[in-house]
Protein backbone atom coordinates (compact mmCIF):
# COMPACT_ATOMS: atom_id res chain seq x y z
CA MET A 1 -111.59 38.64 83.96
CA GLY A 2 -111.78 41.39 81.35
CA LYS A 3 -112.42 40.98 77.68
CA VAL A 4 -109.90 38.58 76.17
CA MET A 5 -109.34 37.90 72.49
CA ILE A 6 -107.28 35.08 70.99
CA VAL A 7 -105.36 36.16 67.89
CA THR A 8 -103.82 33.47 65.72
CA GLY A 9 -100.85 34.44 63.61
CA ALA A 10 -100.22 37.63 65.60
CA ALA A 11 -96.45 37.47 65.20
CA ARG A 12 -96.62 39.51 62.01
CA GLY A 13 -98.75 41.03 59.29
CA ILE A 14 -102.51 41.12 59.55
CA GLY A 15 -102.61 39.12 62.80
CA ARG A 16 -100.23 41.57 64.45
CA ALA A 17 -102.30 44.52 63.26
CA VAL A 18 -105.47 42.88 64.58
CA ALA A 19 -103.83 42.27 67.97
CA ALA A 20 -102.73 45.92 68.18
CA ARG A 21 -106.21 47.14 67.26
CA LEU A 22 -107.81 44.94 69.93
CA LEU A 23 -105.33 46.09 72.56
CA ARG A 24 -106.02 49.70 71.62
CA ALA A 25 -109.74 49.00 72.09
CA GLY A 26 -109.13 47.74 75.63
CA PHE A 27 -109.05 43.98 75.14
CA ASP A 28 -106.42 41.71 76.63
CA VAL A 29 -104.90 39.52 73.92
CA VAL A 30 -103.52 36.00 73.78
CA VAL A 31 -101.11 35.67 70.87
CA THR A 32 -100.85 32.17 69.43
CA TYR A 33 -98.21 30.67 67.19
CA SER A 34 -97.46 27.24 65.83
CA SER A 35 -93.84 27.41 64.65
CA ASP A 36 -92.19 30.85 64.89
CA ALA A 37 -91.54 31.01 68.64
CA ASP A 38 -88.95 33.79 68.31
CA GLY A 39 -91.20 35.97 66.16
CA ALA A 40 -94.17 35.41 68.46
CA ALA A 41 -92.13 36.23 71.58
CA ARG A 42 -90.84 39.38 69.90
CA ALA A 43 -94.40 40.39 68.97
CA GLN A 44 -95.57 39.75 72.54
CA ARG A 45 -92.79 41.91 74.01
CA GLU A 46 -93.36 44.74 71.54
CA LEU A 47 -97.15 44.72 71.95
CA ALA A 48 -96.84 44.59 75.74
CA ALA A 49 -94.47 47.57 75.65
CA GLU A 50 -96.77 49.53 73.33
CA PHE A 51 -99.90 48.75 75.38
CA PRO A 52 -98.72 48.49 79.02
CA GLU A 53 -102.25 48.76 80.43
CA GLN A 54 -103.37 45.59 78.63
CA ALA A 55 -102.24 42.00 79.12
CA VAL A 56 -100.56 40.18 76.24
CA GLY A 57 -100.23 36.43 76.64
CA LEU A 58 -98.39 33.95 74.44
CA VAL A 59 -99.40 30.34 73.77
CA ARG A 60 -98.08 27.80 71.29
CA ALA A 61 -101.17 26.37 69.64
CA ASP A 62 -101.82 24.56 66.38
CA ILE A 63 -105.45 25.38 65.66
CA THR A 64 -105.78 22.23 63.54
CA ASP A 65 -104.98 20.00 66.55
CA ASP A 66 -107.66 19.21 69.14
CA ALA A 67 -105.17 18.70 71.98
CA SER A 68 -103.57 22.05 71.24
CA ILE A 69 -106.97 23.74 71.29
CA ALA A 70 -107.69 22.13 74.66
CA VAL A 71 -104.47 23.63 76.07
CA LEU A 72 -105.40 27.03 74.65
CA ARG A 73 -108.87 26.75 76.20
CA ASP A 74 -107.35 25.91 79.58
CA VAL A 75 -104.94 28.84 79.41
CA VAL A 76 -107.72 31.28 78.59
CA ALA A 77 -109.94 29.81 81.34
CA ALA A 78 -107.15 30.43 83.87
CA LEU A 79 -106.79 34.12 83.00
CA PRO A 80 -105.71 36.57 84.29
CA ALA A 81 -103.22 34.56 86.34
CA SER A 82 -101.50 33.11 83.26
CA LEU A 83 -100.91 36.43 81.50
């Protein structure tokens, strides 16, 4: 597995800019969202198109919820197969 970064709030704004910067630096990125599934999916598609050499995953995760964090941990542990 390569270097993977989890970026919360990457559907727009600062989170999206951070995800793009990490992808540019050679990291694979897992984009998380809690409510805006359409915006997050759009961000994933656009980032994947802009950085085709890097993997861009998408996971619904509420970082204030332990069960959600456990799912996120499991997804990241299963990489790269889940990206």
